[in-house]
Amino acid sequence: MGVNKAGSRSIEGLIPDLYKNRVNTGNPELVQQGIHGTKEEQKFAKNRLKSLYLADFKDNAQPNTEDYSEFYKLTKILNKAFK
C-alpha cells in the first residue's frame, strides 16, 4: 500500500521521510531495539514507531501540501477503481 521501496511498502510508507526521520532521531533506543532486539522487542519497537510516525504526521502535516502527496495519489487510484 505504501511506496515501492525498502521500508516503505506498508501504510507508513505514505508518510514523508521528514516525519519518520524526526521520530527516529528522537527515539534512537526504539530504532536500535527494532534492529537488534529479540523478535518480540522488534515487533514492539516497530509498532511503537508506527504510532509515533502517525502522531507526528497528524500534529504537523498540512493538507494540500507535499505532506499528503502520496495519500492523494492513493486516493485517486482508489476512486478510479470504485467508479
C-alpha atoms as a PDB file:
ATOM      1  CA  MET A   1       0.000   0.000   0.000  1.00  0.00           C
ATOM      2  CA  GLY A   2       2.945   2.339   0.576  1.00  0.00           C
ATOM      3  CA  VAL A   3       5.756   3.278  -1.768  1.00  0.00           C
ATOM      4  CA  ASN A   4       7.645   0.502  -3.556  1.00  0.00           C
ATOM      5  CA  LYS A   5      10.983   0.856  -1.761  1.00  0.00           C
ATOM      6  CA  ALA A   6      12.550  -0.870   1.217  1.00  0.00           C
ATOM      7  CA  GLY A   7      10.947   0.153   4.498  1.00  0.00           C
ATOM      8  CA  SER A   8       8.100   1.996   2.786  1.00  0.00           C
ATOM      9  CA  ARG A   9       5.803  -0.708   1.456  1.00  0.00           C
ATOM     10  CA  SER A  10       3.380  -0.514   4.394  1.00  0.00           C
ATOM     11  CA  ILE A  11       0.933   2.290   5.050  1.00  0.00           C
ATOM     12  CA  GLU A  12       3.600   4.311   6.874  1.00  0.00           C
ATOM     13  CA  GLY A  13       5.431   4.470   3.554  1.00  0.00           C
ATOM     14  CA  LEU A  14       2.933   7.164   2.564  1.00  0.00           C
ATOM     15  CA  ILE A  15       4.252   9.442   5.318  1.00  0.00           C
ATOM     16  CA  PRO A  16       7.091  11.706   4.100  1.00  0.00           C
ATOM     17  CA  ASP A  17      10.610  10.876   5.301  1.00  0.00           C
ATOM     18  CA  LEU A  18      10.789  14.173   7.201  1.00  0.00           C
ATOM     19  CA  TYR A  19       8.346  12.867   9.808  1.00  0.00           C
ATOM     20  CA  LYS A  20       9.871   9.397  10.060  1.00  0.00           C
ATOM     21  CA  ASN A  21      13.386  10.827  10.376  1.00  0.00           C
ATOM     22  CA  ARG A  22      12.293  13.221  13.123  1.00  0.00           C
ATOM     23  CA  VAL A  23      10.710  10.382  15.111  1.00  0.00           C
ATOM     24  CA  ASN A  24      13.709   8.108  14.562  1.00  0.00           C
ATOM     25  CA  THR A  25      16.126  10.836  15.669  1.00  0.00           C
ATOM     26  CA  GLY A  26      14.110  11.452  18.823  1.00  0.00           C
ATOM     27  CA  ASN A  27      13.834   7.747  19.663  1.00  0.00           C
ATOM     28  CA  PRO A  28      17.216   6.118  18.998  1.00  0.00           C
ATOM     29  CA  GLU A  29      16.625   3.399  21.615  1.00  0.00           C
ATOM     30  CA  LEU A  30      13.459   2.271  19.842  1.00  0.00           C
ATOM     31  CA  VAL A  31      15.245   2.231  16.494  1.00  0.00           C
ATOM     32  CA  GLN A  32      18.055   0.117  17.959  1.00  0.00           C
ATOM     33  CA  GLN A  33      15.518  -2.189  19.587  1.00  0.00           C
ATOM     34  CA  GLY A  34      13.831  -2.589  16.218  1.00  0.00           C
ATOM     35  CA  ILE A  35      17.125  -3.573  14.624  1.00  0.00           C
ATOM     36  CA  HIS A  36      18.926  -5.547  17.323  1.00  0.00           C
ATOM     37  CA  GLY A  37      16.225  -6.678  19.763  1.00  0.00           C
ATOM     38  CA  THR A  38      14.606 -10.056  20.170  1.00  0.00           C
ATOM     39  CA  LYS A  39      11.706 -10.907  17.886  1.00  0.00           C
ATOM     40  CA  GLU A  40       9.220  -9.612  20.468  1.00  0.00           C
ATOM     41  CA  GLU A  41      11.247  -6.436  21.077  1.00  0.00           C
ATOM     42  CA  GLN A  42      11.478  -5.792  17.341  1.00  0.00           C
ATOM     43  CA  LYS A  43       7.717  -6.187  16.934  1.00  0.00           C
ATOM     44  CA  PHE A  44       7.051  -3.833  19.870  1.00  0.00           C
ATOM     45  CA  ALA A  45       9.524  -1.247  18.546  1.00  0.00           C
ATOM     46  CA  LYS A  46       8.093  -1.377  15.027  1.00  0.00           C
ATOM     47  CA  ASN A  47       4.535  -0.889  16.285  1.00  0.00           C
ATOM     48  CA  ARG A  48       5.566   1.916  18.640  1.00  0.00           C
ATOM     49  CA  LEU A  49       7.472   3.703  15.879  1.00  0.00           C
ATOM     50  CA  LYS A  50       4.447   3.419  13.578  1.00  0.00           C
ATOM     51  CA  SER A  51       2.298   5.054  16.264  1.00  0.00           C
ATOM     52  CA  LEU A  52       4.831   7.838  16.731  1.00  0.00           C
ATOM     53  CA  TYR A  53       5.080   8.420  12.954  1.00  0.00           C
ATOM     54  CA  LEU A  54       1.312   8.789  12.751  1.00  0.00           C
ATOM     55  CA  ALA A  55       1.122  11.099  15.771  1.00  0.00           C
ATOM     56  CA  ASP A  56       3.868  13.376  14.425  1.00  0.00           C
ATOM     57  CA  PHE A  57       2.266  13.421  10.978  1.00  0.00           C
ATOM     58  CA  LYS A  58      -1.177  14.241  12.389  1.00  0.00           C
ATOM     59  CA  ASP A  59       0.239  17.026  14.553  1.00  0.00           C
ATOM     60  CA  ASN A  60       2.409  18.681  11.899  1.00  0.00           C
ATOM     61  CA  ALA A  61       1.295  17.842   8.345  1.00  0.00           C
ATOM     62  CA  GLN A  62      -0.558  20.495   6.368  1.00  0.00           C
ATOM     63  CA  PRO A  63      -3.389  19.464   3.999  1.00  0.00           C
ATOM     64  CA  ASN A  64      -2.993  20.352   0.328  1.00  0.00           C
ATOM     65  CA  THR A  65       0.804  20.317   0.587  1.00  0.00           C
ATOM     66  CA  GLU A  66       3.522  17.878  -0.386  1.00  0.00           C
ATOM     67  CA  ASP A  67       2.944  16.205   3.008  1.00  0.00           C
ATOM     68  CA  TYR A  68      -0.143  14.483   1.626  1.00  0.00           C
ATOM     69  CA  SER A  69       1.020  13.841  -1.942  1.00  0.00           C
ATOM     70  CA  GLU A  70       1.297  10.054  -1.575  1.00  0.00           C
ATOM     71  CA  PHE A  71      -2.115   9.882   0.111  1.00  0.00           C
ATOM     72  CA  TYR A  72      -3.652  11.903  -2.729  1.00  0.00           C
ATOM     73  CA  LYS A  73      -2.106   9.544  -5.309  1.00  0.00           C
ATOM     74  CA  LEU A  74      -3.556   6.528  -3.490  1.00  0.00           C
ATOM     75  CA  THR A  75      -6.966   8.198  -3.172  1.00  0.00           C
ATOM     76  CA  LYS A  76      -7.022   8.944  -6.893  1.00  0.00           C
ATOM     77  CA  ILE A  77      -6.274   5.287  -7.709  1.00  0.00           C
ATOM     78  CA  LEU A  78      -8.931   4.038  -5.278  1.00  0.00           C
ATOM     79  CA  ASN A  79     -11.550   6.474  -6.589  1.00  0.00           C
ATOM     80  CA  LYS A  80     -10.873   5.312 -10.130  1.00  0.00           C
ATOM     81  CA  ALA A  81     -11.149   1.660  -9.089  1.00  0.00           C
ATOM     82  CA  PHE A  82     -14.522   2.150  -7.414  1.00  0.00           C
ATOM     83  CA  LYS A  83     -16.218   4.116 -10.218  1.00  0.00           C
END
